[in-house]
PDB file of N, CA and C in Angstrom:
ATOM      1  N   MET A   1     103.772  72.479 115.527  1.00  0.00           N
ATOM      2  CA  MET A   1     103.515  73.558 116.448  1.00  0.00           C
ATOM      3  C   MET A   1     104.376  74.766 116.107  1.00  0.00           C
ATOM      4  N   LEU A   2     105.666  74.560 115.873  1.00  0.00           N
ATOM      5  CA  LEU A   2     106.570  75.660 115.552  1.00  0.00           C
ATOM      6  C   LEU A   2     106.167  76.338 114.243  1.00  0.00           C
ATOM      7  N   ALA A   3     105.720  75.568 113.271  1.00  0.00           N
ATOM      8  CA  ALA A   3     105.293  76.142 111.990  1.00  0.00           C
ATOM      9  C   ALA A   3     104.086  77.057 112.184  1.00  0.00           C
ATOM     10  N   ALA A   4     103.181  76.683 113.050  1.00  0.00           N
ATOM     11  CA  ALA A   4     102.003  77.518 113.317  1.00  0.00           C
ATOM     12  C   ALA A   4     102.405  78.821 113.991  1.00  0.00           C
ATOM     13  N   VAL A   5     103.358  78.768 114.892  1.00  0.00           N
ATOM     14  CA  VAL A   5     103.830  79.979 115.572  1.00  0.00           C
ATOM     15  C   VAL A   5     104.539  80.884 114.578  1.00  0.00           C
ATOM     16  N   GLN A   6     105.378  80.312 113.723  1.00  0.00           N
ATOM     17  CA  GLN A   6     106.082  81.107 112.717  1.00  0.00           C
ATOM     18  C   GLN A   6     105.094  81.740 111.743  1.00  0.00           C
ATOM     19  N   SER A   7     104.063  80.997 111.362  1.00  0.00           N
ATOM     20  CA  SER A   7     103.040  81.521 110.464  1.00  0.00           C
ATOM     21  C   SER A   7     102.302  82.690 111.110  1.00  0.00           C
ATOM     22  N   ALA A   8     101.990  82.566 112.394  1.00  0.00           N
ATOM     23  CA  ALA A   8     101.318  83.644 113.111  1.00  0.00           C
ATOM     24  C   ALA A   8     102.226  84.859 113.218  1.00  0.00           C
ATOM     25  N   ASP A   9     103.514  84.635 113.449  1.00  0.00           N
ATOM     26  CA  ASP A   9     104.469  85.746 113.520  1.00  0.00           C
ATOM     27  C   ASP A   9     104.545  86.479 112.185  1.00  0.00           C
ATOM     28  N   LEU A  10     104.583  85.741 111.088  1.00  0.00           N
ATOM     29  CA  LEU A  10     104.648  86.365 109.772  1.00  0.00           C
ATOM     30  C   LEU A  10     103.364  87.119 109.462  1.00  0.00           C
ATOM     31  N   SER A  11     102.250  86.559 109.861  1.00  0.00           N
ATOM     32  CA  SER A  11     100.969  87.238 109.657  1.00  0.00           C
ATOM     33  C   SER A  11     100.928  88.540 110.450  1.00  0.00           C
ATOM     34  N   ALA A  12     101.393  88.503 111.673  1.00  0.00           N
ATOM     35  CA  ALA A  12     101.430  89.711 112.504  1.00  0.00           C
ATOM     36  C   ALA A  12     102.392  90.733 111.908  1.00  0.00           C
ATOM     37  N   ALA A  13     103.541  90.295 111.445  1.00  0.00           N
ATOM     38  CA  ALA A  13     104.514  91.202 110.832  1.00  0.00           C
ATOM     39  C   ALA A  13     103.920  91.857 109.594  1.00  0.00           C
ATOM     40  N   LYS A  14     103.222  91.069 108.791  1.00  0.00           N
ATOM     41  CA  LYS A  14     102.590  91.614 107.583  1.00  0.00           C
ATOM     42  C   LYS A  14     101.527  92.635 107.948  1.00  0.00           C
ATOM     43  N   ASN A  15     100.705  92.331 108.945  1.00  0.00           N
ATOM     44  CA  ASN A  15      99.650  93.257 109.351  1.00  0.00           C
ATOM     45  C   ASN A  15     100.222  94.572 109.878  1.00  0.00           C
ATOM     46  N   VAL A  16     101.270  94.492 110.670  1.00  0.00           N
ATOM     47  CA  VAL A  16     101.912  95.708 111.197  1.00  0.00           C
ATOM     48  C   VAL A  16     102.530  96.500 110.050  1.00  0.00           C
ATOM     49  N   PHE A  17     103.191  95.818 109.135  1.00  0.00           N
ATOM     50  CA  PHE A  17     103.840  96.484 108.011  1.00  0.00           C
ATOM     51  C   PHE A  17     102.813  97.191 107.127  1.00  0.00           C
ATOM     52  N   VAL A  18     101.729  96.508 106.812  1.00  0.00           N
ATOM     53  CA  VAL A  18     100.677  97.099 105.980  1.00  0.00           C
ATOM     54  C   VAL A  18     100.055  98.312 106.680  1.00  0.00           C
ATOM     55  N   ALA A  19      99.771  98.180 107.964  1.00  0.00           N
ATOM     56  CA  ALA A  19      99.188  99.301 108.706  1.00  0.00           C
ATOM     57  C   ALA A  19     100.144 100.485 108.758  1.00  0.00           C
ATOM     58  N   ALA A  20     101.420 100.215 108.960  1.00  0.00           N
ATOM     59  CA  ALA A  20     102.412 101.297 109.013  1.00  0.00           C
ATOM     60  C   ALA A  20     102.531 101.980 107.657  1.00  0.00           C
ATOM     61  N   ILE A  21     102.542 101.212 106.584  1.00  0.00           N
ATOM     62  CA  ILE A  21     102.599 101.789 105.238  1.00  0.00           C
ATOM     63  C   ILE A  21     101.358 102.641 104.999  1.00  0.00           C
ATOM     64  N   ARG A  22     100.202 102.108 105.337  1.00  0.00           N
ATOM     65  CA  ARG A  22      98.943 102.829 105.130  1.00  0.00           C
ATOM     66  C   ARG A  22      98.962 104.172 105.852  1.00  0.00           C
ATOM     67  N   PHE A  23      99.354 104.170 107.098  1.00  0.00           N
ATOM     68  CA  PHE A  23      99.334 105.408 107.859  1.00  0.00           C
ATOM     69  C   PHE A  23     100.457 106.343 107.426  1.00  0.00           C
ATOM     70  N   ALA A  24     101.616 105.796 107.089  1.00  0.00           N
ATOM     71  CA  ALA A  24     102.757 106.618 106.683  1.00  0.00           C
ATOM     72  C   ALA A  24     102.504 107.336 105.363  1.00  0.00           C
ATOM     73  N   THR A  25     101.648 106.776 104.520  1.00  0.00           N
ATOM     74  CA  THR A  25     101.401 107.371 103.207  1.00  0.00           C
ATOM     75  C   THR A  25     100.072 108.107 103.127  1.00  0.00           C
ATOM     76  N   THR A  26      99.379 108.268 104.237  1.00  0.00           N
ATOM     77  CA  THR A  26      98.110 108.994 104.195  1.00  0.00           C
ATOM     78  C   THR A  26      98.359 110.479 103.982  1.00  0.00           C
ATOM     79  N   ILE A  27      97.456 111.067 103.239  1.00  0.00           N
ATOM     80  CA  ILE A  27      97.493 112.509 103.022  1.00  0.00           C
ATOM     81  C   ILE A  27      96.089 113.009 103.326  1.00  0.00           C
ATOM     82  N   GLU A  28      95.889 113.399 104.545  1.00  0.00           N
ATOM     83  CA  GLU A  28      94.592 113.903 104.958  1.00  0.00           C
ATOM     84  C   GLU A  28      94.784 115.260 105.602  1.00  0.00           C
ATOM     85  N   GLU A  29      93.901 116.153 105.255  1.00  0.00           N
ATOM     86  CA  GLU A  29      93.984 117.498 105.826  1.00  0.00           C
ATOM     87  C   GLU A  29      93.471 117.519 107.261  1.00  0.00           C
ATOM     88  N   SER A  30      92.464 116.719 107.543  1.00  0.00           N
ATOM     89  CA  SER A  30      91.844 116.763 108.876  1.00  0.00           C
ATOM     90  C   SER A  30      92.336 115.593 109.724  1.00  0.00           C
ATOM     91  N   ARG A  31      93.473 115.799 110.358  1.00  0.00           N
ATOM     92  CA  ARG A  31      94.018 114.800 111.274  1.00  0.00           C
ATOM     93  C   ARG A  31      93.920 115.358 112.676  1.00  0.00           C
ATOM     94  N   PRO A  32      93.878 114.482 113.647  1.00  0.00           N
ATOM     95  CA  PRO A  32      93.920 114.989 115.025  1.00  0.00           C
ATOM     96  C   PRO A  32      95.248 115.703 115.271  1.00  0.00           C
ATOM     97  N   SER A  33      95.301 116.478 116.327  1.00  0.00           N
ATOM     98  CA  SER A  33      96.495 117.278 116.605  1.00  0.00           C
ATOM     99  C   SER A  33      97.761 116.436 116.715  1.00  0.00           C
ATOM    100  N   PHE A  34      97.635 115.185 117.084  1.00  0.00           N
ATOM    101  CA  PHE A  34      98.795 114.302 117.194  1.00  0.00           C
ATOM    102  C   PHE A  34      99.026 113.509 115.918  1.00  0.00           C
ATOM    103  N   GLY A  35      98.297 113.810 114.864  1.00  0.00           N
ATOM    104  CA  GLY A  35      98.396 113.060 113.610  1.00  0.00           C
ATOM    105  C   GLY A  35      99.763 113.113 112.972  1.00  0.00           C
ATOM    106  N   ASP A  36     100.417 114.287 113.037  1.00  0.00           N
ATOM    107  CA  ASP A  36     101.752 114.399 112.444  1.00  0.00           C
ATOM    108  C   ASP A  36     102.755 113.513 113.177  1.00  0.00           C
ATOM    109  N   GLU A  37     102.628 113.438 114.496  1.00  0.00           N
ATOM    110  CA  GLU A  37     103.520 112.579 115.279  1.00  0.00           C
ATOM    111  C   GLU A  37     103.277 111.109 114.959  1.00  0.00           C
ATOM    112  N   LEU A  38     102.003 110.728 114.796  1.00  0.00           N
ATOM    113  CA  LEU A  38     101.689 109.339 114.457  1.00  0.00           C
ATOM    114  C   LEU A  38     102.195 108.994 113.066  1.00  0.00           C
ATOM    115  N   LYS A  39     102.061 109.924 112.129  1.00  0.00           N
ATOM    116  CA  LYS A  39     102.546 109.667 110.777  1.00  0.00           C
ATOM    117  C   LYS A  39     104.070 109.504 110.784  1.00  0.00           C
ATOM    118  N   ALA A  40     104.766 110.362 111.513  1.00  0.00           N
ATOM    119  CA  ALA A  40     106.221 110.247 111.615  1.00  0.00           C
ATOM    120  C   ALA A  40     106.610 108.924 112.259  1.00  0.00           C
ATOM    121  N   SER A  41     105.864 108.515 113.268  1.00  0.00           N
ATOM    122  CA  SER A  41     106.124 107.241 113.927  1.00  0.00           C
ATOM    123  C   SER A  41     105.907 106.075 112.962  1.00  0.00           C
ATOM    124  N   ALA A  42     104.854 106.151 112.155  1.00  0.00           N
ATOM    125  CA  ALA A  42     104.587 105.099 111.171  1.00  0.00           C
ATOM    126  C   ALA A  42     105.699 105.049 110.132  1.00  0.00           C
ATOM    127  N   GLN A  43     106.185 106.212 109.713  1.00  0.00           N
ATOM    128  CA  GLN A  43     107.286 106.248 108.751  1.00  0.00           C
ATOM    129  C   GLN A  43     108.549 105.633 109.346  1.00  0.00           C
ATOM    130  N   GLU A  44     108.802 105.911 110.617  1.00  0.00           N
ATOM    131  CA  GLU A  44     109.951 105.311 111.296  1.00  0.00           C
ATOM    132  C   GLU A  44     109.786 103.800 111.412  1.00  0.00           C
ATOM    133  N   GLN A  45     108.548 103.352 111.661  1.00  0.00           N
ATOM    134  CA  GLN A  45     108.277 101.912 111.761  1.00  0.00           C
ATOM    135  C   GLN A  45     108.556 101.226 110.433  1.00  0.00           C
ATOM    136  N   VAL A  46     108.104 101.827 109.339  1.00  0.00           N
ATOM    137  CA  VAL A  46     108.356 101.262 108.015  1.00  0.00           C
ATOM    138  C   VAL A  46     109.866 101.201 107.757  1.00  0.00           C
ATOM    139  N   ASP A  47     110.565 102.283 108.060  1.00  0.00           N
ATOM    140  CA  ASP A  47     112.020 102.320 107.876  1.00  0.00           C
ATOM    141  C   ASP A  47     112.702 101.217 108.683  1.00  0.00           C
ATOM    142  N   TYR A  48     112.319 101.088 109.942  1.00  0.00           N
ATOM    143  CA  TYR A  48     112.903 100.043 110.796  1.00  0.00           C
ATOM    144  C   TYR A  48     112.623  98.660 110.220  1.00  0.00           C
ATOM    145  N   MET A  49     111.376  98.428 109.840  1.00  0.00           N
ATOM    146  CA  MET A  49     111.018  97.095 109.349  1.00  0.00           C
ATOM    147  C   MET A  49     111.771  96.755 108.062  1.00  0.00           C
ATOM    148  N   LEU A  50     111.969  97.742 107.209  1.00  0.00           N
ATOM    149  CA  LEU A  50     112.699  97.482 105.965  1.00  0.00           C
ATOM    150  C   LEU A  50     114.176  97.230 106.205  1.00  0.00           C
ATOM    151  N   ARG A  51     114.749  97.886 107.208  1.00  0.00           N
ATOM    152  CA  ARG A  51     116.188  97.779 107.438  1.00  0.00           C
ATOM    153  C   ARG A  51     116.576  96.689 108.437  1.00  0.00           C
ATOM    154  N   GLU A  52     115.756  96.477 109.456  1.00  0.00           N
ATOM    155  CA  GLU A  52     116.181  95.658 110.595  1.00  0.00           C
ATOM    156  C   GLU A  52     115.390  94.371 110.824  1.00  0.00           C
ATOM    157  N   ASP A  53     114.131  94.338 110.433  1.00  0.00           N
ATOM    158  CA  ASP A  53     113.259  93.219 110.783  1.00  0.00           C
ATOM    159  C   ASP A  53     113.362  92.095 109.752  1.00  0.00           C
ATOM    160  N   ALA A  54     113.840  90.957 110.169  1.00  0.00           N
ATOM    161  CA  ALA A  54     114.029  89.817 109.263  1.00  0.00           C
ATOM    162  C   ALA A  54     112.706  89.308 108.696  1.00  0.00           C
ATOM    163  N   ASP A  55     111.624  89.395 109.456  1.00  0.00           N
ATOM    164  CA  ASP A  55     110.326  88.910 108.982  1.00  0.00           C
ATOM    165  C   ASP A  55     109.789  89.739 107.833  1.00  0.00           C
ATOM    166  N   THR A  56     110.140  91.016 107.790  1.00  0.00           N
ATOM    167  CA  THR A  56     109.618  91.897 106.742  1.00  0.00           C
ATOM    168  C   THR A  56     110.039  91.416 105.368  1.00  0.00           C
ATOM    169  N   SER A  57     111.256  90.953 105.226  1.00  0.00           N
ATOM    170  CA  SER A  57     111.704  90.483 103.917  1.00  0.00           C
ATOM    171  C   SER A  57     110.889  89.271 103.457  1.00  0.00           C
ATOM    172  N   LEU A  58     110.348  88.537 104.400  1.00  0.00           N
ATOM    173  CA  LEU A  58     109.535  87.362 104.049  1.00  0.00           C
ATOM    174  C   LEU A  58     108.119  87.736 103.619  1.00  0.00           C
ATOM    175  N   VAL A  59     107.627  88.910 104.041  1.00  0.00           N
ATOM    176  CA  VAL A  59     106.253  89.293 103.720  1.00  0.00           C
ATOM    177  C   VAL A  59     106.180  90.468 102.742  1.00  0.00           C
ATOM    178  N   ALA A  60     107.315  91.089 102.425  1.00  0.00           N
ATOM    179  CA  ALA A  60     107.314  92.289 101.589  1.00  0.00           C
ATOM    180  C   ALA A  60     106.743  92.042 100.197  1.00  0.00           C
ATOM    181  N   GLY A  61     106.846  90.845  99.698  1.00  0.00           N
ATOM    182  CA  GLY A  61     106.335  90.536  98.364  1.00  0.00           C
ATOM    183  C   GLY A  61     104.905  90.054  98.333  1.00  0.00           C
ATOM    184  N   SER A  62     104.240  90.043  99.473  1.00  0.00           N
ATOM    185  CA  SER A  62     102.856  89.551  99.490  1.00  0.00           C
ATOM    186  C   SER A  62     101.936  90.534  98.776  1.00  0.00           C
ATOM    187  N   GLU A  63     100.831  90.031  98.276  1.00  0.00           N
ATOM    188  CA  GLU A  63      99.874  90.869  97.546  1.00  0.00           C
ATOM    189  C   GLU A  63      99.372  92.029  98.392  1.00  0.00           C
ATOM    190  N   ASP A  64      99.103  91.775  99.667  1.00  0.00           N
ATOM    191  CA  ASP A  64      98.598  92.833 100.543  1.00  0.00           C
ATOM    192  C   ASP A  64      99.593  93.979 100.657  1.00  0.00           C
ATOM    193  N   VAL A  65     100.847  93.649 100.842  1.00  0.00           N
ATOM    194  CA  VAL A  65     101.883  94.678 101.003  1.00  0.00           C
ATOM    195  C   VAL A  65     102.071  95.445  99.704  1.00  0.00           C
ATOM    196  N   ILE A  66     102.182  94.747  98.601  1.00  0.00           N
ATOM    197  CA  ILE A  66     102.363  95.398  97.303  1.00  0.00           C
ATOM    198  C   ILE A  66     101.168  96.293  96.985  1.00  0.00           C
ATOM    199  N   SER A  67      99.981  95.809  97.238  1.00  0.00           N
ATOM    200  CA  SER A  67      98.774  96.599  96.993  1.00  0.00           C
ATOM    201  C   SER A  67      98.768  97.884  97.820  1.00  0.00           C
ATOM    202  N   GLU A  68      99.152  97.783  99.076  1.00  0.00           N
ATOM    203  CA  GLU A  68      99.173  98.958  99.948  1.00  0.00           C
ATOM    204  C   GLU A  68     100.240  99.959  99.498  1.00  0.00           C
ATOM    205  N   ILE A  69     101.387  99.465  99.079  1.00  0.00           N
ATOM    206  CA  ILE A  69     102.441 100.349  98.580  1.00  0.00           C
ATOM    207  C   ILE A  69     101.974 101.072  97.323  1.00  0.00           C
ATOM    208  N   LEU A  70     101.392 100.343  96.388  1.00  0.00           N
ATOM    209  CA  LEU A  70     100.913 100.961  95.156  1.00  0.00           C
ATOM    210  C   LEU A  70      99.809 101.971  95.430  1.00  0.00           C
ATOM    211  N   SER A  71      98.928 101.639  96.345  1.00  0.00           N
ATOM    212  CA  SER A  71      97.845 102.555  96.702  1.00  0.00           C
ATOM    213  C   SER A  71      98.394 103.838  97.315  1.00  0.00           C
ATOM    214  N   GLY A  72      99.304 103.696  98.261  1.00  0.00           N
ATOM    215  CA  GLY A  72      99.895 104.867  98.904  1.00  0.00           C
ATOM    216  C   GLY A  72     100.674 105.729  97.937  1.00  0.00           C
ATOM    217  N   CYS A  73     101.453 105.093  97.081  1.00  0.00           N
ATOM    218  CA  CYS A  73     102.224 105.848  96.089  1.00  0.00           C
ATOM    219  C   CYS A  73     101.296 106.526  95.089  1.00  0.00           C
ATOM    220  N   GLY A  74     100.272 105.822  94.662  1.00  0.00           N
ATOM    221  CA  GLY A  74      99.308 106.394  93.718  1.00  0.00           C
ATOM    222  C   GLY A  74      98.597 107.600  94.297  1.00  0.00           C
ATOM    223  N   THR A  75      98.176 107.497  95.541  1.00  0.00           N
ATOM    224  CA  THR A  75      97.504 108.611  96.207  1.00  0.00           C
ATOM    225  C   THR A  75      98.448 109.802  96.330  1.00  0.00           C
ATOM    226  N   SER A  76      99.673 109.549  96.733  1.00  0.00           N
ATOM    227  CA  SER A  76     100.654 110.625  96.872  1.00  0.00           C
ATOM    228  C   SER A  76     100.922 111.283  95.510  1.00  0.00           C
ATOM    229  N   PHE A  77     101.067 110.480  94.494  1.00  0.00           N
ATOM    230  CA  PHE A  77     101.353 111.012  93.161  1.00  0.00           C
ATOM    231  C   PHE A  77     100.187 111.833  92.650  1.00  0.00           C
ATOM    232  N   ARG A  78      98.973 111.324  92.793  1.00  0.00           N
ATOM    233  CA  ARG A  78      97.795 112.066  92.327  1.00  0.00           C
ATOM    234  C   ARG A  78      97.665 113.399  93.062  1.00  0.00           C
ATOM    235  N   ARG A  79      97.949 113.379  94.344  1.00  0.00           N
ATOM    236  CA  ARG A  79      97.878 114.602  95.152  1.00  0.00           C
ATOM    237  C   ARG A  79      98.949 115.603  94.713  1.00  0.00           C
ATOM    238  N   TRP A  80     100.108 115.089  94.355  1.00  0.00           N
ATOM    239  CA  TRP A  80     101.221 115.925  93.963  1.00  0.00           C
ATOM    240  C   TRP A  80     100.974 116.617  92.617  1.00  0.00           C
ATOM    241  N   ILE A  81     100.372 115.886  91.639  1.00  0.00           N
ATOM    242  CA  ILE A  81     100.190 116.459  90.314  1.00  0.00           C
ATOM    243  C   ILE A  81      98.935 117.311  90.193  1.00  0.00           C
ATOM    244  N   CYS A  82      98.039 117.216  91.129  1.00  0.00           N
ATOM    245  CA  CYS A  82      96.788 117.993  91.055  1.00  0.00           C
ATOM    246  C   CYS A  82      96.916 119.345  91.683  1.00  0.00           C
TER     247      CYS A  82
END
């Protein structure tokens, strides 16, 4: 029972981390008026999870997280050089 709860917690942590990374690294011109605040909040969430959340270290190496990081960095880099 405890293993199932821990697995669900890690899955939830991974999903939150991936979503925060995705939103924190978006570069869209047409965001709602509160989009900048949401992006800043997502960036703060990523920072918190990397520094304070013990579960993040357990999921940071997962394929989903790595893929999202590479995608976000790639998009930012392509936008920067173009």
